[in-house]
Amino acid sequence: MIFFKHLGRLLKEFGQFAIRNKAWWIIPVVLLLLIIGILVVAGQTVAPFIYTIF
């Protein structure tokens, strides 16, 4: 649970940075990196089950 707390705080910091410095390009970059990270973690947890099917 602490991980999600820190992740939320980090995303909040990125949002404040983007608003303060008018760096709107950073928001899609951060979202894309989060999506890729989630897909990598999900792929690692599913992989052992796929190998047992074959």
PDB file of N, CA and C in Angstrom:
ATOM      1  N   MET A   1       0.818  -1.197   0.000  1.00  0.00           N
ATOM      2  CA  MET A   1       0.000   0.000   0.000  1.00  0.00           C
ATOM      3  C   MET A   1       0.858   1.256   0.000  1.00  0.00           C
ATOM      4  N   ILE A   2       2.028   1.174   0.591  1.00  0.00           N
ATOM      5  CA  ILE A   2       2.901   2.342   0.617  1.00  0.00           C
ATOM      6  C   ILE A   2       3.341   2.691  -0.804  1.00  0.00           C
ATOM      7  N   PHE A   3       3.518   1.649  -1.644  1.00  0.00           N
ATOM      8  CA  PHE A   3       3.921   1.876  -3.033  1.00  0.00           C
ATOM      9  C   PHE A   3       2.920   2.767  -3.748  1.00  0.00           C
ATOM     10  N   PHE A   4       1.629   2.484  -3.576  1.00  0.00           N
ATOM     11  CA  PHE A   4       0.599   3.277  -4.250  1.00  0.00           C
ATOM     12  C   PHE A   4       0.539   4.696  -3.696  1.00  0.00           C
ATOM     13  N   LYS A   5       0.825   4.833  -2.423  1.00  0.00           N
ATOM     14  CA  LYS A   5       0.861   6.160  -1.806  1.00  0.00           C
ATOM     15  C   LYS A   5       1.971   6.992  -2.439  1.00  0.00           C
ATOM     16  N   HIS A   6       3.144   6.386  -2.581  1.00  0.00           N
ATOM     17  CA  HIS A   6       4.273   7.094  -3.178  1.00  0.00           C
ATOM     18  C   HIS A   6       4.051   7.339  -4.669  1.00  0.00           C
ATOM     19  N   LEU A   7       3.439   6.385  -5.350  1.00  0.00           N
ATOM     20  CA  LEU A   7       3.139   6.567  -6.773  1.00  0.00           C
ATOM     21  C   LEU A   7       2.160   7.715  -6.973  1.00  0.00           C
ATOM     22  N   GLY A   8       1.151   7.801  -6.134  1.00  0.00           N
ATOM     23  CA  GLY A   8       0.198   8.905  -6.212  1.00  0.00           C
ATOM     24  C   GLY A   8       0.862  10.241  -5.960  1.00  0.00           C
ATOM     25  N   ARG A   9       1.755  10.275  -4.978  1.00  0.00           N
ATOM     26  CA  ARG A   9       2.479  11.510  -4.682  1.00  0.00           C
ATOM     27  C   ARG A   9       3.379  11.912  -5.857  1.00  0.00           C
ATOM     28  N   LEU A  10       4.024  10.921  -6.482  1.00  0.00           N
ATOM     29  CA  LEU A  10       4.886  11.194  -7.633  1.00  0.00           C
ATOM     30  C   LEU A  10       4.087  11.734  -8.813  1.00  0.00           C
ATOM     31  N   LEU A  11       2.922  11.143  -9.084  1.00  0.00           N
ATOM     32  CA  LEU A  11       2.074  11.624 -10.175  1.00  0.00           C
ATOM     33  C   LEU A  11       1.567  13.031  -9.891  1.00  0.00           C
ATOM     34  N   LYS A  12       1.266  13.305  -8.639  1.00  0.00           N
ATOM     35  CA  LYS A  12       0.830  14.647  -8.256  1.00  0.00           C
ATOM     36  C   LYS A  12       1.946  15.661  -8.505  1.00  0.00           C
ATOM     37  N   GLU A  13       3.172  15.271  -8.164  1.00  0.00           N
ATOM     38  CA  GLU A  13       4.320  16.155  -8.397  1.00  0.00           C
ATOM     39  C   GLU A  13       4.513  16.421  -9.890  1.00  0.00           C
ATOM     40  N   PHE A  14       4.373  15.382 -10.722  1.00  0.00           N
ATOM     41  CA  PHE A  14       4.489  15.573 -12.170  1.00  0.00           C
ATOM     42  C   PHE A  14       3.412  16.523 -12.676  1.00  0.00           C
ATOM     43  N   GLY A  15       2.194  16.355 -12.176  1.00  0.00           N
ATOM     44  CA  GLY A  15       1.097  17.233 -12.588  1.00  0.00           C
ATOM     45  C   GLY A  15       1.346  18.677 -12.200  1.00  0.00           C
ATOM     46  N   GLN A  16       1.809  18.891 -10.980  1.00  0.00           N
ATOM     47  CA  GLN A  16       2.104  20.250 -10.541  1.00  0.00           C
ATOM     48  C   GLN A  16       3.244  20.855 -11.345  1.00  0.00           C
ATOM     49  N   PHE A  17       4.249  20.061 -11.659  1.00  0.00           N
ATOM     50  CA  PHE A  17       5.361  20.545 -12.475  1.00  0.00           C
ATOM     51  C   PHE A  17       4.878  20.959 -13.860  1.00  0.00           C
ATOM     52  N   ALA A  18       4.021  20.122 -14.464  1.00  0.00           N
ATOM     53  CA  ALA A  18       3.527  20.416 -15.809  1.00  0.00           C
ATOM     54  C   ALA A  18       2.682  21.694 -15.814  1.00  0.00           C
ATOM     55  N   ILE A  19       1.869  21.882 -14.803  1.00  0.00           N
ATOM     56  CA  ILE A  19       1.025  23.075 -14.745  1.00  0.00           C
ATOM     57  C   ILE A  19       1.866  24.315 -14.483  1.00  0.00           C
ATOM     58  N   ARG A  20       2.789  24.212 -13.549  1.00  0.00           N
ATOM     59  CA  ARG A  20       3.596  25.368 -13.170  1.00  0.00           C
ATOM     60  C   ARG A  20       4.501  25.833 -14.309  1.00  0.00           C
ATOM     61  N   ASN A  21       5.107  24.883 -15.032  1.00  0.00           N
ATOM     62  CA  ASN A  21       6.057  25.228 -16.087  1.00  0.00           C
ATOM     63  C   ASN A  21       5.445  25.178 -17.490  1.00  0.00           C
ATOM     64  N   LYS A  22       4.141  24.947 -17.545  1.00  0.00           N
ATOM     65  CA  LYS A  22       3.433  24.825 -18.814  1.00  0.00           C
ATOM     66  C   LYS A  22       4.107  23.808 -19.745  1.00  0.00           C
ATOM     67  N   ALA A  23       4.518  22.705 -19.162  1.00  0.00           N
ATOM     68  CA  ALA A  23       5.146  21.612 -19.907  1.00  0.00           C
ATOM     69  C   ALA A  23       4.092  20.526 -20.132  1.00  0.00           C
ATOM     70  N   TRP A  24       3.148  20.805 -21.001  1.00  0.00           N
ATOM     71  CA  TRP A  24       2.023  19.888 -21.205  1.00  0.00           C
ATOM     72  C   TRP A  24       2.447  18.587 -21.880  1.00  0.00           C
ATOM     73  N   TRP A  25       3.591  18.592 -22.542  1.00  0.00           N
ATOM     74  CA  TRP A  25       4.056  17.401 -23.231  1.00  0.00           C
ATOM     75  C   TRP A  25       4.437  16.285 -22.251  1.00  0.00           C
ATOM     76  N   ILE A  26       4.714  16.637 -21.001  1.00  0.00           N
ATOM     77  CA  ILE A  26       5.175  15.630 -20.045  1.00  0.00           C
ATOM     78  C   ILE A  26       4.035  14.712 -19.580  1.00  0.00           C
ATOM     79  N   ILE A  27       2.803  15.191 -19.645  1.00  0.00           N
ATOM     80  CA  ILE A  27       1.665  14.387 -19.170  1.00  0.00           C
ATOM     81  C   ILE A  27       1.467  13.130 -20.023  1.00  0.00           C
ATOM     82  N   PRO A  28       1.418  13.226 -21.360  1.00  0.00           N
ATOM     83  CA  PRO A  28       1.283  11.988 -22.144  1.00  0.00           C
ATOM     84  C   PRO A  28       2.482  11.051 -22.006  1.00  0.00           C
ATOM     85  N   VAL A  29       3.678  11.616 -21.831  1.00  0.00           N
ATOM     86  CA  VAL A  29       4.873  10.782 -21.663  1.00  0.00           C
ATOM     87  C   VAL A  29       4.767   9.966 -20.384  1.00  0.00           C
ATOM     88  N   VAL A  30       4.370  10.602 -19.305  1.00  0.00           N
ATOM     89  CA  VAL A  30       4.236   9.902 -18.025  1.00  0.00           C
ATOM     90  C   VAL A  30       3.128   8.844 -18.112  1.00  0.00           C
ATOM     91  N   LEU A  31       2.014   9.188 -18.727  1.00  0.00           N
ATOM     92  CA  LEU A  31       0.925   8.209 -18.869  1.00  0.00           C
ATOM     93  C   LEU A  31       1.358   7.017 -19.713  1.00  0.00           C
ATOM     94  N   LEU A  32       2.097   7.269 -20.778  1.00  0.00           N
ATOM     95  CA  LEU A  32       2.584   6.183 -21.631  1.00  0.00           C
ATOM     96  C   LEU A  32       3.546   5.277 -20.870  1.00  0.00           C
ATOM     97  N   LEU A  33       4.434   5.860 -20.081  1.00  0.00           N
ATOM     98  CA  LEU A  33       5.356   5.054 -19.290  1.00  0.00           C
ATOM     99  C   LEU A  33       4.618   4.226 -18.236  1.00  0.00           C
ATOM    100  N   LEU A  34       3.582   4.798 -17.640  1.00  0.00           N
ATOM    101  CA  LEU A  34       2.791   4.033 -16.672  1.00  0.00           C
ATOM    102  C   LEU A  34       2.084   2.850 -17.334  1.00  0.00           C
ATOM    103  N   ILE A  35       1.515   3.080 -18.510  1.00  0.00           N
ATOM    104  CA  ILE A  35       0.825   2.000 -19.225  1.00  0.00           C
ATOM    105  C   ILE A  35       1.800   0.893 -19.603  1.00  0.00           C
ATOM    106  N   ILE A  36       2.985   1.272 -20.098  1.00  0.00           N
ATOM    107  CA  ILE A  36       3.988   0.267 -20.456  1.00  0.00           C
ATOM    108  C   ILE A  36       4.424  -0.512 -19.215  1.00  0.00           C
ATOM    109  N   GLY A  37       4.617   0.184 -18.108  1.00  0.00           N
ATOM    110  CA  GLY A  37       5.001  -0.490 -16.864  1.00  0.00           C
ATOM    111  C   GLY A  37       3.945  -1.473 -16.395  1.00  0.00           C
ATOM    112  N   ILE A  38       2.688  -1.071 -16.493  1.00  0.00           N
ATOM    113  CA  ILE A  38       1.590  -1.960 -16.094  1.00  0.00           C
ATOM    114  C   ILE A  38       1.546  -3.187 -16.998  1.00  0.00           C
ATOM    115  N   LEU A  39       1.745  -2.992 -18.305  1.00  0.00           N
ATOM    116  CA  LEU A  39       1.741  -4.127 -19.232  1.00  0.00           C
ATOM    117  C   LEU A  39       2.900  -5.081 -18.966  1.00  0.00           C
ATOM    118  N   VAL A  40       4.059  -4.553 -18.632  1.00  0.00           N
ATOM    119  CA  VAL A  40       5.205  -5.412 -18.327  1.00  0.00           C
ATOM    120  C   VAL A  40       4.929  -6.236 -17.075  1.00  0.00           C
ATOM    121  N   VAL A  41       4.407  -5.610 -16.040  1.00  0.00           N
ATOM    122  CA  VAL A  41       4.104  -6.333 -14.800  1.00  0.00           C
ATOM    123  C   VAL A  41       3.013  -7.366 -15.048  1.00  0.00           C
ATOM    124  N   ALA A  42       1.992  -7.002 -15.799  1.00  0.00           N
ATOM    125  CA  ALA A  42       0.909  -7.949 -16.086  1.00  0.00           C
ATOM    126  C   ALA A  42       1.422  -9.110 -16.933  1.00  0.00           C
ATOM    127  N   GLY A  43       2.317  -8.830 -17.862  1.00  0.00           N
ATOM    128  CA  GLY A  43       2.881  -9.890 -18.703  1.00  0.00           C
ATOM    129  C   GLY A  43       3.735 -10.862 -17.915  1.00  0.00           C
ATOM    130  N   GLN A  44       4.430 -10.380 -16.916  1.00  0.00           N
ATOM    131  CA  GLN A  44       5.262 -11.259 -16.104  1.00  0.00           C
ATOM    132  C   GLN A  44       4.420 -12.147 -15.200  1.00  0.00           C
ATOM    133  N   THR A  45       3.275 -11.657 -14.760  1.00  0.00           N
ATOM    134  CA  THR A  45       2.453 -12.469 -13.872  1.00  0.00           C
ATOM    135  C   THR A  45       1.641 -13.501 -14.644  1.00  0.00           C
ATOM    136  N   VAL A  46       1.378 -13.252 -15.920  1.00  0.00           N
ATOM    137  CA  VAL A  46       0.576 -14.171 -16.721  1.00  0.00           C
ATOM    138  C   VAL A  46       1.446 -15.237 -17.377  1.00  0.00           C
ATOM    139  N   ALA A  47       2.711 -14.938 -17.611  1.00  0.00           N
ATOM    140  CA  ALA A  47       3.595 -15.836 -18.348  1.00  0.00           C
ATOM    141  C   ALA A  47       3.658 -17.254 -17.783  1.00  0.00           C
ATOM    142  N   PRO A  48       3.790 -17.465 -16.479  1.00  0.00           N
ATOM    143  CA  PRO A  48       3.872 -18.857 -15.994  1.00  0.00           C
ATOM    144  C   PRO A  48       2.614 -19.671 -16.312  1.00  0.00           C
ATOM    145  N   PHE A  49       1.467 -19.037 -16.337  1.00  0.00           N
ATOM    146  CA  PHE A  49       0.231 -19.758 -16.636  1.00  0.00           C
ATOM    147  C   PHE A  49       0.141 -20.113 -18.115  1.00  0.00           C
ATOM    148  N   ILE A  50       0.699 -19.291 -18.979  1.00  0.00           N
ATOM    149  CA  ILE A  50       0.683 -19.597 -20.411  1.00  0.00           C
ATOM    150  C   ILE A  50       1.574 -20.780 -20.694  1.00  0.00           C
ATOM    151  N   TYR A  51       2.735 -20.864 -20.034  1.00  0.00           N
ATOM    152  CA  TYR A  51       3.653 -21.965 -20.282  1.00  0.00           C
ATOM    153  C   TYR A  51       3.055 -23.303 -19.853  1.00  0.00           C
ATOM    154  N   THR A  52       2.225 -23.308 -18.824  1.00  0.00           N
ATOM    155  CA  THR A  52       1.646 -24.578 -18.378  1.00  0.00           C
ATOM    156  C   THR A  52       0.573 -25.068 -19.340  1.00  0.00           C
ATOM    157  N   ILE A  53      -0.028 -24.171 -20.115  1.00  0.00           N
ATOM    158  CA  ILE A  53      -1.044 -24.589 -21.081  1.00  0.00           C
ATOM    159  C   ILE A  53      -0.409 -25.396 -22.214  1.00  0.00           C
ATOM    160  N   PHE A  54       0.762 -24.985 -22.644  1.00  0.00           N
ATOM    161  CA  PHE A  54       1.427 -25.660 -23.768  1.00  0.00           C
ATOM    162  C   PHE A  54       2.315 -26.705 -23.204  1.00  0.00           C
TER     163      PHE A  54
END
